[in-house]
Amino acid sequence: MYRFAKTLSRTAATPLIQHVVRRSLAKEIKFGADARALMLQGVDILADAVAITMGPKGRNVILEQSWGAPKITKDGVTVAKAIELKDKFQNIGAKLVQDVANNTNEEAGDGTTAATILARAIAKEGFDKISRGANPIEVRRGIMLGVSTVINELKRMSKNVTTPEEIAQVATISANGDVSIGDIISNAMKKVGKNGVITVKDGKTLLDELEIIEGMKFDRGYISPYFINTTKGAKCEYQDAFLLLSEKKLSSVQELIPALELANSQRKPLLIIAEDIDGEALTTLVLNRLKVGLQVCAIKAPGFGDNRKNTLRDIAVACGGTVFGDEANLNKLDDVTVKDFGRVGEVIVTKDDTLIMRGKGDPSAIEQRINALNDEMSETKSEYEKEKLQERLAKLSNGIAVLKVGGGSEVEVNEKKDRITDALNATRAAVEEGIVPGGGVALLRCLKVLDDNAGAINEDQKTGIEIVRKALRMPCSTIAKNGGKDGSIIVEKVLASPFEIGYDAQRDEFVDMVKAGIIDPTKVVRSALQDASGVASLLTTAEVVVVEAPKPEKDASPPMGGNTLPSWTYCNPSSATAAGEVKQNSDSFQCMTYIHQGQSGTDFYYDGAVGNCDYLIQMFTTIVSQTYTISYWLYNRGSAQPSGADVIINI
């Protein structure tokens, strides 16, 4: 047993800390085939997990969550986002394909599983061809040529969606064959229009319900997250609220005080919509929200220029309020009265958008406003203006459709919400760009346009086009495989069948896909192919991959003489009885160890008894040439002054 006495200076630990920080910046590099092989392993792991969800007979995936019950889902992008691999090179491959799913989801709202499958097929074939000597740059050009040709063919075969039945078919397919979801989405679009606002919420019964609520939604969220008043979903929600509208920027708190006092005296929440709110005005609102609990929320007015002015007037008409700062209104905010406030039954504000429901405006004024907008739309020749006018009309006239998702448990409701959201996005995409035969059949029918190599000018570009040809078979093959069939056999049978015939995995038969209601939105198929080919073809051109070096594993070998790592015993200088065990850290470095006061909940055992320690100890240790260099401090509780101590090392 060796004994070291007294405290060393704190600065002795500084070089050690700097050394640890420098080590964390080390990088690991792999080149060529080695890098591509590891990335492809990551692509395969992610794609296998996502592909299992595809088609009417796809399986569920259970995801562990940091809180609450596990999540059960068939949503491809949700599964992709949940995957994180330990090997950093594999993880890079997985993350790149994860980006494919995210991009497709953002653009089309569905088709993430198909995009993942296509990306894996293109990357796998690309890596194989490059390993055989093909030029990766020319191969990528060939892939993009082939994809461009296929997209043009998809647009040519696309059919517009016109009837509620077709809308229901699109939604049903996207919801994995759930007819009830297809019907409820079709009914919602019938009532609020194809461009109407449809939202999805948790229901309170076992059944799904559709509710039509008069209201307006626009893409502006709260200015400050400090306005949030509900932890679930990070939202600000108020019932029966006042609405203050201003065309001007609000910076002075003096402008807002009369409105705040008036709303507070009426015991009503206040939603402020202005061109902008900053400076002391915003600071005062935030402080009153946090310190006093004032029910207030501020957002920027939606749109720009004349469009913003018109939207504010629409809101004022729908809610019965006054727009301050308007050229037609000479009233000042200092003179605000209760009549100047708009009134809403419910308002929900997130970081991205605001939903105003049950506005209490004058019905005759709303009708007059709608007629004026219809007149404007009939006179304008600008497609942009017509689109904006249609959006404003939908918010004023048709209201908002709320789909309330029912279920017997939170897990069931969340799983169904994922499918309804996908179905809703797919339906909107179908309305926008039309539909094509589903089940992967549309992509198979595009193979014929690649027969002449789509204008490829060299062998490597032809190789790229051949990669696309093989990838186009994979969605149909995967659907068949998930249904328990041989995918390659099903694909060949579909190719040998007439144009409209495809494989119905639900019924295990070959049918006219459009007549059977098995259809996909053209936008979803196009986006999936575009996103997959863009990322996967770039992946094949990678020659070097750089990642952060992994943290070294714990060294289980003894540091000297075959002995195990030493145990440390801390001795209180005034009472050499209090002791605490210290865990050894990896790479011969000793982490900080804290011994807390016993009264706060941590007791330490020594000599078979329980004792309290009134000190906080921090210890740094490193092994240098098989000797121990020690630097430590012992702080008395409540004091920053270091004091002496003895340390006993048992070897």
Foldseek 3Di string as FASTA:
>chain_A
DDWDWKFDDPVVCVVVVVVVVVQQFFWDKDFFPVLLVLLLLLLVVLLVQLLQLDALLRAWDWADDPDDDIFIASARLVSLVRDADPDPSNRVSSVLLNVLLVQLCVQQVGLSSLLSLLLSLLLVLLLVVVVVPFALVLLLVLQVLLLVLLLVLLLVQFDADDDLVLLLLLLCRLLSNDSVLSNQLSVQCVQLNLLAAEAEAAFDAQAKDKDFFQWAKDWKFFPDLLLQDDPVQSKHKFFWAWEAAEAAEAADLLLCVVVLVQCVVVVHAYEYEYQYYDHPNVVVVSCCCPPVVHRYTYIYQDDDDPLSVVVSVLLCQQQQAAYHPDPVDPDGSNPDDPNRIGIFRMWMGHNTMIMTTRRDHDPVSLVVVLVVLVVVLVPDPDPVSNVSSVSSNSSSPSGYMYIHFRNDDPSVSVRSVSSSSSSSSQSSLCNVSGKDQALLLSLLVSLVSCPVSSPSDDDSSSSSSVSSSVSSQRSNLSNQVSLVHRSVVQSVVSNVDDSQWHARSVVGDIDRRVVVSRMTRSSSVSSSSVSSSVSSSVSSNDGMDMDRDDDDDADQADPDDRDHDWWKFWADPVGGWFGDTADQDGPQWGFFDFADFVVVPDWGDGPNDTDTDQWTKTWIWGADPNDIDTHIFIGGHPDPDTDITMIDIDD
